[in-house]
Amino acid sequence: MKWLWLLFVVLPAQALQVTDDRGISVQFAQPPQRIVSLLPSLTESVCELGQCPRLVGVDRYSNYPASVRSLPQLGGGLDPNIEAIVALHPDVVLLATASRASARLEALGLKVVALEPKTAADVQRVLGKLGQVLDVPDAARVWRAIDAGVSAAAQSLPARVKNTRVYFEVNSAPYAAGRASFIGETLARLGAQNIVPASLGPFPKLNPEFVVRANPDLVMVGDRNAVRMEQRPGWANIRAIREKRVCIFTPEQSDTLVRPGPRMAEAARTMAACLQDKAP
């Protein structure tokens, strides 16, 4: 029996390994129990996988579900408070690939997993990777629920709204949601025509004249960015603005719409309601 005892002593517990969106392989001796999340969509995904209690800190924009609002806020996701993160002794820090904090955190001995979904396929992949890291075997169920919810939203729409030409503004620079983004993909599934081609990238900064020339039938915009939209040069003549076919979303709705994660089906229902109400 001595050999059996030695087997348990010599062999470590099964290690977890995940390759993040930087292409870096990160290993864990056991599933991390103390998690810092510095991207709202990742925070929501951790919670949707049933692991909210493992979160010990989040970025200032992570505000859903309500339980995360009581956690320590660690600054912005791109340039967070490094000292505050280290003080929490996390087993892993989840952040966006664009974050400037990765190298500093790793130099301090912390494990970092960078995941940044931009398309629906990315969301599915990221949920799977988080399932690996958190040792949640049924992570795929979350994606199936999202996908089914988006399909249901599309099926709820009448034929008259199909092919409505839509401009979706994510920021007043103006930055738009192009066809290559997860928002653009949802619009396509709803039967709408995005005026911003995939060739411009997921979230391009546009020349305002581009929108004037495209002359969309319908505009979707958050209330933070809708102020004085009609006063932009030439925009009063855009069909959607002239005919008041503009859906202005609340801050809460905007958060749901621009986060590629578990609430994408809710976002699809919000966009479907806009199409139902405002499409010509």
C-alpha atoms as a PDB file:
ATOM      1  CA  MET A   1       0.000   0.000   0.000  1.00  0.00           C
ATOM      2  CA  LYS A   2       3.053   2.245   0.391  1.00  0.00           C
ATOM      3  CA  TRP A   3       3.212   2.869  -3.366  1.00  0.00           C
ATOM      4  CA  LEU A   4      -0.398   4.078  -3.321  1.00  0.00           C
ATOM      5  CA  TRP A   5       0.404   6.599  -0.588  1.00  0.00           C
ATOM      6  CA  LEU A   6       3.407   7.808  -2.579  1.00  0.00           C
ATOM      7  CA  LEU A   7       1.180   8.267  -5.639  1.00  0.00           C
ATOM      8  CA  PHE A   8      -1.024  10.711  -3.771  1.00  0.00           C
ATOM      9  CA  VAL A   9       1.975  12.571  -2.372  1.00  0.00           C
ATOM     10  CA  VAL A  10       3.927  12.890  -5.620  1.00  0.00           C
ATOM     11  CA  LEU A  11       1.131  13.678  -8.068  1.00  0.00           C
ATOM     12  CA  PRO A  12      -0.315  17.208  -7.741  1.00  0.00           C
ATOM     13  CA  ALA A  13      -3.984  18.006  -8.039  1.00  0.00           C
ATOM     14  CA  GLN A  14      -5.079  18.333 -11.657  1.00  0.00           C
ATOM     15  CA  ALA A  15      -3.891  21.722 -12.893  1.00  0.00           C
ATOM     16  CA  LEU A  16      -6.063  24.108 -14.863  1.00  0.00           C
ATOM     17  CA  GLN A  17      -4.670  25.806 -17.938  1.00  0.00           C
ATOM     18  CA  VAL A  18      -6.176  28.445 -20.200  1.00  0.00           C
ATOM     19  CA  THR A  19      -4.793  30.415 -23.132  1.00  0.00           C
ATOM     20  CA  ASP A  20      -6.030  33.993 -23.004  1.00  0.00           C
ATOM     21  CA  ASP A  21      -6.640  36.471 -25.829  1.00  0.00           C
ATOM     22  CA  ARG A  22      -2.992  37.560 -25.784  1.00  0.00           C
ATOM     23  CA  GLY A  23      -2.029  33.998 -26.671  1.00  0.00           C
ATOM     24  CA  ILE A  24      -0.477  33.552 -23.225  1.00  0.00           C
ATOM     25  CA  SER A  25      -1.003  30.253 -21.394  1.00  0.00           C
ATOM     26  CA  VAL A  26      -1.895  30.676 -17.718  1.00  0.00           C
ATOM     27  CA  GLN A  27      -1.820  27.749 -15.298  1.00  0.00           C
ATOM     28  CA  PHE A  28      -3.598  27.314 -11.980  1.00  0.00           C
ATOM     29  CA  ALA A  29      -2.935  24.592  -9.425  1.00  0.00           C
ATOM     30  CA  GLN A  30      -6.605  24.840  -8.460  1.00  0.00           C
ATOM     31  CA  PRO A  31      -9.613  26.941  -9.484  1.00  0.00           C
ATOM     32  CA  PRO A  32      -9.066  30.555  -8.327  1.00  0.00           C
ATOM     33  CA  GLN A  33     -11.186  31.521  -5.341  1.00  0.00           C
ATOM     34  CA  ARG A  34     -10.331  35.251  -5.153  1.00  0.00           C
ATOM     35  CA  ILE A  35     -11.069  37.026  -8.431  1.00  0.00           C
ATOM     36  CA  VAL A  36     -10.619  40.629  -9.504  1.00  0.00           C
ATOM     37  CA  SER A  37     -12.532  41.589 -12.659  1.00  0.00           C
ATOM     38  CA  LEU A  38     -11.657  44.793 -14.501  1.00  0.00           C
ATOM     39  CA  LEU A  39     -14.149  44.607 -17.375  1.00  0.00           C
ATOM     40  CA  PRO A  40     -17.934  44.821 -16.849  1.00  0.00           C
ATOM     41  CA  SER A  41     -18.745  42.101 -19.374  1.00  0.00           C
ATOM     42  CA  LEU A  42     -16.344  39.730 -17.602  1.00  0.00           C
ATOM     43  CA  THR A  43     -17.819  40.649 -14.214  1.00  0.00           C
ATOM     44  CA  GLU A  44     -21.309  39.847 -15.488  1.00  0.00           C
ATOM     45  CA  SER A  45     -20.099  36.608 -17.039  1.00  0.00           C
ATOM     46  CA  VAL A  46     -18.483  35.423 -13.797  1.00  0.00           C
ATOM     47  CA  CYS A  47     -21.753  36.074 -11.986  1.00  0.00           C
ATOM     48  CA  GLU A  48     -23.880  34.425 -14.680  1.00  0.00           C
ATOM     49  CA  LEU A  49     -21.724  31.321 -14.239  1.00  0.00           C
ATOM     50  CA  GLY A  50     -22.788  31.338 -10.593  1.00  0.00           C
ATOM     51  CA  GLN A  51     -19.434  32.504  -9.210  1.00  0.00           C
ATOM     52  CA  CYS A  52     -20.196  36.041  -7.992  1.00  0.00           C
ATOM     53  CA  PRO A  53     -19.108  35.127  -4.421  1.00  0.00           C
ATOM     54  CA  ARG A  54     -15.538  34.627  -5.675  1.00  0.00           C
ATOM     55  CA  LEU A  55     -15.242  38.286  -6.786  1.00  0.00           C
ATOM     56  CA  VAL A  56     -13.234  40.426  -4.359  1.00  0.00           C
ATOM     57  CA  GLY A  57     -12.914  43.604  -6.453  1.00  0.00           C
ATOM     58  CA  VAL A  58     -14.081  45.169  -9.724  1.00  0.00           C
ATOM     59  CA  ASP A  59     -13.498  48.176 -11.972  1.00  0.00           C
ATOM     60  CA  ARG A  60     -15.538  51.347 -11.446  1.00  0.00           C
ATOM     61  CA  TYR A  61     -17.899  50.559 -14.330  1.00  0.00           C
ATOM     62  CA  SER A  62     -18.946  47.084 -13.167  1.00  0.00           C
ATOM     63  CA  ASN A  63     -22.412  47.710 -11.744  1.00  0.00           C
ATOM     64  CA  TYR A  64     -24.376  44.546 -12.563  1.00  0.00           C
ATOM     65  CA  PRO A  65     -25.637  42.470 -10.900  1.00  0.00           C
ATOM     66  CA  ALA A  66     -26.406  44.728  -7.933  1.00  0.00           C
ATOM     67  CA  SER A  67     -24.324  42.622  -5.544  1.00  0.00           C
ATOM     68  CA  VAL A  68     -21.041  43.720  -7.179  1.00  0.00           C
ATOM     69  CA  ARG A  69     -21.690  47.377  -6.310  1.00  0.00           C
ATOM     70  CA  SER A  70     -20.614  46.723  -2.723  1.00  0.00           C
ATOM     71  CA  LEU A  71     -17.204  45.370  -3.788  1.00  0.00           C
ATOM     72  CA  PRO A  72     -14.024  47.482  -3.722  1.00  0.00           C
ATOM     73  CA  GLN A  73     -13.760  49.586  -6.878  1.00  0.00           C
ATOM     74  CA  LEU A  74     -10.267  49.479  -8.333  1.00  0.00           C
ATOM     75  CA  GLY A  75     -10.291  52.307 -10.872  1.00  0.00           C
ATOM     76  CA  GLY A  76     -10.712  52.063 -14.620  1.00  0.00           C
ATOM     77  CA  GLY A  77     -10.209  48.828 -16.476  1.00  0.00           C
ATOM     78  CA  LEU A  78      -7.485  50.209 -18.737  1.00  0.00           C
ATOM     79  CA  ASP A  79      -5.441  51.871 -15.990  1.00  0.00           C
ATOM     80  CA  PRO A  80      -6.540  50.466 -12.611  1.00  0.00           C
ATOM     81  CA  ASN A  81      -5.183  51.025  -9.108  1.00  0.00           C
ATOM     82  CA  ILE A  82      -2.386  48.453  -8.987  1.00  0.00           C
ATOM     83  CA  GLU A  83      -1.685  48.824  -5.269  1.00  0.00           C
ATOM     84  CA  ALA A  84      -5.338  48.289  -4.380  1.00  0.00           C
ATOM     85  CA  ILE A  85      -5.470  45.155  -6.528  1.00  0.00           C
ATOM     86  CA  VAL A  86      -2.331  43.684  -4.940  1.00  0.00           C
ATOM     87  CA  ALA A  87      -3.723  44.381  -1.463  1.00  0.00           C
ATOM     88  CA  LEU A  88      -6.705  42.119  -2.208  1.00  0.00           C
ATOM     89  CA  HIS A  89      -4.402  39.103  -2.840  1.00  0.00           C
ATOM     90  CA  PRO A  90      -6.380  37.837  -5.856  1.00  0.00           C
ATOM     91  CA  ASP A  91      -5.760  34.403  -7.334  1.00  0.00           C
ATOM     92  CA  VAL A  92      -6.436  35.862 -10.777  1.00  0.00           C
ATOM     93  CA  VAL A  93      -7.107  39.244 -12.372  1.00  0.00           C
ATOM     94  CA  LEU A  94      -9.492  39.262 -15.349  1.00  0.00           C
ATOM     95  CA  LEU A  95      -9.062  42.229 -17.696  1.00  0.00           C
ATOM     96  CA  ALA A  96      -9.232  43.414 -21.297  1.00  0.00           C
ATOM     97  CA  THR A  97      -6.375  42.832 -23.712  1.00  0.00           C
ATOM     98  CA  ALA A  98      -6.177  46.618 -24.141  1.00  0.00           C
ATOM     99  CA  SER A  99      -5.430  47.147 -20.445  1.00  0.00           C
ATOM    100  CA  ARG A 100      -2.033  48.631 -19.643  1.00  0.00           C
ATOM    101  CA  ALA A 101      -1.952  46.849 -16.286  1.00  0.00           C
ATOM    102  CA  SER A 102      -1.156  43.287 -17.387  1.00  0.00           C
ATOM    103  CA  ALA A 103       2.638  43.499 -17.371  1.00  0.00           C
ATOM    104  CA  ARG A 104       2.791  45.367 -14.033  1.00  0.00           C
ATOM    105  CA  LEU A 105       0.475  42.897 -12.334  1.00  0.00           C
ATOM    106  CA  GLU A 106       2.405  39.907 -13.671  1.00  0.00           C
ATOM    107  CA  ALA A 107       5.696  41.484 -12.574  1.00  0.00           C
ATOM    108  CA  LEU A 108       4.235  41.596  -9.060  1.00  0.00           C
ATOM    109  CA  GLY A 109       3.531  37.885  -9.179  1.00  0.00           C
ATOM    110  CA  LEU A 110      -0.203  37.959  -9.938  1.00  0.00           C
ATOM    111  CA  LYS A 111      -1.864  35.738 -12.498  1.00  0.00           C
ATOM    112  CA  VAL A 112      -3.602  37.655 -15.301  1.00  0.00           C
ATOM    113  CA  VAL A 113      -6.123  36.386 -17.843  1.00  0.00           C
ATOM    114  CA  ALA A 114      -6.915  38.893 -20.611  1.00  0.00           C
ATOM    115  CA  LEU A 115     -10.208  38.291 -22.422  1.00  0.00           C
ATOM    116  CA  GLU A 116     -11.933  40.852 -24.620  1.00  0.00           C
ATOM    117  CA  PRO A 117     -15.067  39.777 -26.528  1.00  0.00           C
ATOM    118  CA  LYS A 118     -15.993  41.901 -29.551  1.00  0.00           C
ATOM    119  CA  THR A 119     -18.238  39.539 -31.510  1.00  0.00           C
ATOM    120  CA  ALA A 120     -20.890  36.975 -30.633  1.00  0.00           C
ATOM    121  CA  ALA A 121     -18.399  34.180 -31.341  1.00  0.00           C
ATOM    122  CA  ASP A 122     -15.991  35.881 -28.927  1.00  0.00           C
ATOM    123  CA  VAL A 123     -18.666  35.905 -26.231  1.00  0.00           C
ATOM    124  CA  GLN A 124     -19.218  32.178 -26.669  1.00  0.00           C
ATOM    125  CA  ARG A 125     -15.450  31.543 -26.565  1.00  0.00           C
ATOM    126  CA  VAL A 126     -14.866  33.769 -23.520  1.00  0.00           C
ATOM    127  CA  LEU A 127     -17.656  32.077 -21.580  1.00  0.00           C
ATOM    128  CA  GLY A 128     -15.985  28.765 -22.340  1.00  0.00           C
ATOM    129  CA  LYS A 129     -12.591  30.005 -21.158  1.00  0.00           C
ATOM    130  CA  LEU A 130     -14.075  31.431 -17.964  1.00  0.00           C
ATOM    131  CA  GLY A 131     -15.750  28.082 -17.436  1.00  0.00           C
ATOM    132  CA  GLN A 132     -12.288  26.486 -17.654  1.00  0.00           C
ATOM    133  CA  VAL A 133     -10.716  28.937 -15.218  1.00  0.00           C
ATOM    134  CA  LEU A 134     -13.560  28.735 -12.721  1.00  0.00           C
ATOM    135  CA  ASP A 135     -14.026  24.983 -13.183  1.00  0.00           C
ATOM    136  CA  VAL A 136     -17.682  25.398 -14.180  1.00  0.00           C
ATOM    137  CA  PRO A 137     -18.485  22.369 -16.361  1.00  0.00           C
ATOM    138  CA  ASP A 138     -21.766  23.630 -17.844  1.00  0.00           C
ATOM    139  CA  ALA A 139     -20.622  27.064 -19.029  1.00  0.00           C
ATOM    140  CA  ALA A 140     -22.041  26.317 -22.492  1.00  0.00           C
ATOM    141  CA  ARG A 141     -25.584  26.560 -21.093  1.00  0.00           C
ATOM    142  CA  VAL A 142     -25.144  30.340 -20.675  1.00  0.00           C
ATOM    143  CA  TRP A 143     -24.339  30.773 -24.354  1.00  0.00           C
ATOM    144  CA  ARG A 144     -27.251  28.572 -25.403  1.00  0.00           C
ATOM    145  CA  ALA A 145     -29.620  30.768 -23.358  1.00  0.00           C
ATOM    146  CA  ILE A 146     -28.195  33.944 -24.929  1.00  0.00           C
ATOM    147  CA  ASP A 147     -28.471  32.553 -28.451  1.00  0.00           C
ATOM    148  CA  ALA A 148     -32.032  31.332 -27.899  1.00  0.00           C
ATOM    149  CA  GLY A 149     -33.042  34.716 -26.472  1.00  0.00           C
ATOM    150  CA  VAL A 150     -31.675  36.624 -29.478  1.00  0.00           C
ATOM    151  CA  SER A 151     -33.484  34.235 -31.833  1.00  0.00           C
ATOM    152  CA  ALA A 152     -36.747  34.744 -29.938  1.00  0.00           C
ATOM    153  CA  ALA A 153     -36.373  38.530 -30.169  1.00  0.00           C
ATOM    154  CA  ALA A 154     -35.871  38.255 -33.938  1.00  0.00           C
ATOM    155  CA  GLN A 155     -38.895  36.004 -34.355  1.00  0.00           C
ATOM    156  CA  SER A 156     -41.082  38.475 -32.450  1.00  0.00           C
ATOM    157  CA  LEU A 157     -40.684  41.190 -35.091  1.00  0.00           C
ATOM    158  CA  PRO A 158     -43.180  41.776 -37.915  1.00  0.00           C
ATOM    159  CA  ALA A 159     -42.023  41.631 -41.512  1.00  0.00           C
ATOM    160  CA  ARG A 160     -42.500  45.397 -41.977  1.00  0.00           C
ATOM    161  CA  VAL A 161     -39.421  46.240 -39.869  1.00  0.00           C
ATOM    162  CA  LYS A 162     -37.074  44.063 -41.912  1.00  0.00           C
ATOM    163  CA  ASN A 163     -34.316  45.884 -43.788  1.00  0.00           C
ATOM    164  CA  THR A 164     -34.739  49.078 -41.766  1.00  0.00           C
ATOM    165  CA  ARG A 165     -31.493  51.023 -42.214  1.00  0.00           C
ATOM    166  CA  VAL A 166     -30.074  51.669 -38.731  1.00  0.00           C
ATOM    167  CA  TYR A 167     -27.347  53.861 -37.293  1.00  0.00           C
ATOM    168  CA  PHE A 168     -26.273  52.764 -33.787  1.00  0.00           C
ATOM    169  CA  GLU A 169     -24.102  55.348 -32.009  1.00  0.00           C
ATOM    170  CA  VAL A 170     -22.006  54.165 -29.065  1.00  0.00           C
ATOM    171  CA  ASN A 171     -20.261  57.481 -28.396  1.00  0.00           C
ATOM    172  CA  SER A 172     -20.724  61.026 -29.617  1.00  0.00           C
ATOM    173  CA  ALA A 173     -17.318  61.428 -31.323  1.00  0.00           C
ATOM    174  CA  PRO A 174     -19.198  59.820 -33.220  1.00  0.00           C
ATOM    175  CA  TYR A 175     -18.229  56.200 -32.713  1.00  0.00           C
ATOM    176  CA  ALA A 176     -20.632  53.695 -34.236  1.00  0.00           C
ATOM    177  CA  ALA A 177     -21.382  49.996 -33.876  1.00  0.00           C
ATOM    178  CA  GLY A 178     -20.416  48.518 -37.226  1.00  0.00           C
ATOM    179  CA  ARG A 179     -21.619  45.293 -38.792  1.00  0.00           C
ATOM    180  CA  ALA A 180     -18.486  43.531 -37.493  1.00  0.00           C
ATOM    181  CA  SER A 181     -19.384  44.212 -33.840  1.00  0.00           C
ATOM    182  CA  PHE A 182     -21.566  42.071 -31.588  1.00  0.00           C
ATOM    183  CA  ILE A 183     -24.148  44.879 -31.703  1.00  0.00           C
ATOM    184  CA  GLY A 184     -24.061  44.847 -35.504  1.00  0.00           C
ATOM    185  CA  GLU A 185     -24.418  41.070 -35.502  1.00  0.00           C
ATOM    186  CA  THR A 186     -27.505  41.328 -33.290  1.00  0.00           C
ATOM    187  CA  LEU A 187     -29.022  43.975 -35.557  1.00  0.00           C
ATOM    188  CA  ALA A 188     -28.450  41.661 -38.516  1.00  0.00           C
ATOM    189  CA  ARG A 189     -30.204  38.809 -36.723  1.00  0.00           C
ATOM    190  CA  LEU A 190     -33.125  41.164 -36.088  1.00  0.00           C
ATOM    191  CA  GLY A 191     -33.310  41.808 -39.851  1.00  0.00           C
ATOM    192  CA  ALA A 192     -32.040  45.401 -39.746  1.00  0.00           C
ATOM    193  CA  GLN A 193     -29.510  46.883 -42.168  1.00  0.00           C
ATOM    194  CA  ASN A 194     -26.550  48.541 -40.458  1.00  0.00           C
ATOM    195  CA  ILE A 195     -25.352  51.607 -42.376  1.00  0.00           C
ATOM    196  CA  VAL A 196     -21.763  51.036 -41.145  1.00  0.00           C
ATOM    197  CA  PRO A 197     -20.024  48.329 -43.224  1.00  0.00           C
ATOM    198  CA  ALA A 198     -17.911  45.595 -41.648  1.00  0.00           C
ATOM    199  CA  SER A 199     -14.873  46.920 -43.541  1.00  0.00           C
ATOM    200  CA  LEU A 200     -14.683  49.890 -41.148  1.00  0.00           C
ATOM    201  CA  GLY A 201     -14.195  47.613 -38.136  1.00  0.00           C
ATOM    202  CA  PRO A 202     -16.337  46.828 -35.075  1.00  0.00           C
ATOM    203  CA  PHE A 203     -16.564  50.313 -33.536  1.00  0.00           C
ATOM    204  CA  PRO A 204     -15.175  52.894 -35.978  1.00  0.00           C
ATOM    205  CA  LYS A 205     -14.948  56.630 -35.435  1.00  0.00           C
ATOM    206  CA  LEU A 206     -16.932  58.151 -38.288  1.00  0.00           C
ATOM    207  CA  ASN A 207     -16.837  61.415 -40.137  1.00  0.00           C
ATOM    208  CA  PRO A 208     -20.256  62.899 -39.217  1.00  0.00           C
ATOM    209  CA  GLU A 209     -20.824  63.544 -42.924  1.00  0.00           C
ATOM    210  CA  PHE A 210     -20.782  59.766 -43.453  1.00  0.00           C
ATOM    211  CA  VAL A 211     -23.994  59.441 -41.422  1.00  0.00           C
ATOM    212  CA  VAL A 212     -25.601  62.354 -43.283  1.00  0.00           C
ATOM    213  CA  ARG A 213     -24.864  60.722 -46.631  1.00  0.00           C
ATOM    214  CA  ALA A 214     -26.030  57.294 -45.425  1.00  0.00           C
ATOM    215  CA  ASN A 215     -29.338  58.877 -44.325  1.00  0.00           C
ATOM    216  CA  PRO A 216     -30.518  56.079 -41.961  1.00  0.00           C
ATOM    217  CA  ASP A 217     -34.190  55.295 -41.387  1.00  0.00           C
ATOM    218  CA  LEU A 218     -33.659  54.848 -37.636  1.00  0.00           C
ATOM    219  CA  VAL A 219     -31.115  55.990 -35.056  1.00  0.00           C
ATOM    220  CA  MET A 220     -30.292  54.177 -31.816  1.00  0.00           C
ATOM    221  CA  VAL A 221     -28.366  56.184 -29.230  1.00  0.00           C
ATOM    222  CA  GLY A 222     -27.880  56.484 -25.479  1.00  0.00           C
ATOM    223  CA  ASP A 223     -29.277  59.531 -23.727  1.00  0.00           C
ATOM    224  CA  ARG A 224     -25.748  60.682 -22.813  1.00  0.00           C
ATOM    225  CA  ASN A 225     -24.921  61.053 -26.516  1.00  0.00           C
ATOM    226  CA  ALA A 226     -28.289  62.157 -27.886  1.00  0.00           C
ATOM    227  CA  VAL A 227     -28.016  65.745 -26.633  1.00  0.00           C
ATOM    228  CA  ARG A 228     -28.100  68.228 -29.531  1.00  0.00           C
ATOM    229  CA  MET A 229     -27.673  65.445 -32.086  1.00  0.00           C
ATOM    230  CA  GLU A 230     -30.007  67.275 -34.467  1.00  0.00           C
ATOM    231  CA  GLN A 231     -27.740  70.365 -34.219  1.00  0.00           C
ATOM    232  CA  ARG A 232     -24.768  68.603 -35.779  1.00  0.00           C
ATOM    233  CA  PRO A 233     -24.105  70.047 -39.247  1.00  0.00           C
ATOM    234  CA  GLY A 234     -26.538  68.523 -41.730  1.00  0.00           C
ATOM    235  CA  TRP A 235     -28.025  66.055 -39.260  1.00  0.00           C
ATOM    236  CA  ALA A 236     -31.421  67.771 -39.079  1.00  0.00           C
ATOM    237  CA  ASN A 237     -31.951  66.554 -42.666  1.00  0.00           C
ATOM    238  CA  ILE A 238     -31.294  62.890 -41.833  1.00  0.00           C
ATOM    239  CA  ARG A 239     -34.540  61.011 -42.370  1.00  0.00           C
ATOM    240  CA  ALA A 240     -34.513  59.359 -38.934  1.00  0.00           C
ATOM    241  CA  ILE A 241     -34.049  62.671 -37.127  1.00  0.00           C
ATOM    242  CA  ARG A 242     -36.440  64.590 -39.377  1.00  0.00           C
ATOM    243  CA  GLU A 243     -39.184  61.999 -38.806  1.00  0.00           C
ATOM    244  CA  LYS A 244     -38.289  61.525 -35.102  1.00  0.00           C
ATOM    245  CA  ARG A 245     -37.371  57.905 -35.577  1.00  0.00           C
ATOM    246  CA  VAL A 246     -34.756  57.957 -32.821  1.00  0.00           C
ATOM    247  CA  CYS A 247     -34.598  55.497 -29.923  1.00  0.00           C
ATOM    248  CA  ILE A 248     -32.903  57.115 -26.932  1.00  0.00           C
ATOM    249  CA  PHE A 249     -31.763  54.564 -24.363  1.00  0.00           C
ATOM    250  CA  THR A 250     -31.451  55.106 -20.621  1.00  0.00           C
ATOM    251  CA  PRO A 251     -28.027  54.643 -18.985  1.00  0.00           C
ATOM    252  CA  GLU A 252     -29.158  51.247 -17.700  1.00  0.00           C
ATOM    253  CA  GLN A 253     -30.288  50.172 -21.178  1.00  0.00           C
ATOM    254  CA  SER A 254     -27.065  51.499 -22.699  1.00  0.00           C
ATOM    255  CA  ASP A 255     -24.983  49.433 -20.275  1.00  0.00           C
ATOM    256  CA  THR A 256     -26.872  46.324 -21.358  1.00  0.00           C
ATOM    257  CA  LEU A 257     -26.567  47.147 -25.061  1.00  0.00           C
ATOM    258  CA  VAL A 258     -22.826  47.825 -25.182  1.00  0.00           C
ATOM    259  CA  ARG A 259     -21.613  44.914 -23.039  1.00  0.00           C
ATOM    260  CA  PRO A 260     -20.832  41.681 -24.889  1.00  0.00           C
ATOM    261  CA  GLY A 261     -21.920  39.164 -22.307  1.00  0.00           C
ATOM    262  CA  PRO A 262     -24.809  37.382 -20.617  1.00  0.00           C
ATOM    263  CA  ARG A 263     -27.341  40.175 -21.198  1.00  0.00           C
ATOM    264  CA  MET A 264     -27.093  40.120 -25.004  1.00  0.00           C
ATOM    265  CA  ALA A 265     -30.555  38.578 -25.250  1.00  0.00           C
ATOM    266  CA  GLU A 266     -31.967  41.436 -23.165  1.00  0.00           C
ATOM    267  CA  ALA A 267     -30.137  43.854 -25.481  1.00  0.00           C
ATOM    268  CA  ALA A 268     -31.730  42.137 -28.483  1.00  0.00           C
ATOM    269  CA  ARG A 269     -35.177  42.574 -26.937  1.00  0.00           C
ATOM    270  CA  THR A 270     -34.459  46.281 -26.370  1.00  0.00           C
ATOM    271  CA  MET A 271     -33.388  46.764 -29.982  1.00  0.00           C
ATOM    272  CA  ALA A 272     -36.372  44.746 -31.209  1.00  0.00           C
ATOM    273  CA  ALA A 273     -38.730  46.984 -29.210  1.00  0.00           C
ATOM    274  CA  CYS A 274     -37.085  50.027 -30.809  1.00  0.00           C
ATOM    275  CA  LEU A 275     -37.559  48.591 -34.300  1.00  0.00           C
ATOM    276  CA  GLN A 276     -41.157  47.683 -33.526  1.00  0.00           C
ATOM    277  CA  ASP A 277     -41.892  51.198 -32.281  1.00  0.00           C
ATOM    278  CA  LYS A 278     -39.879  53.417 -34.595  1.00  0.00           C
ATOM    279  CA  ALA A 279     -39.211  51.634 -37.878  1.00  0.00           C
ATOM    280  CA  PRO A 280     -40.920  53.331 -40.835  1.00  0.00           C
END
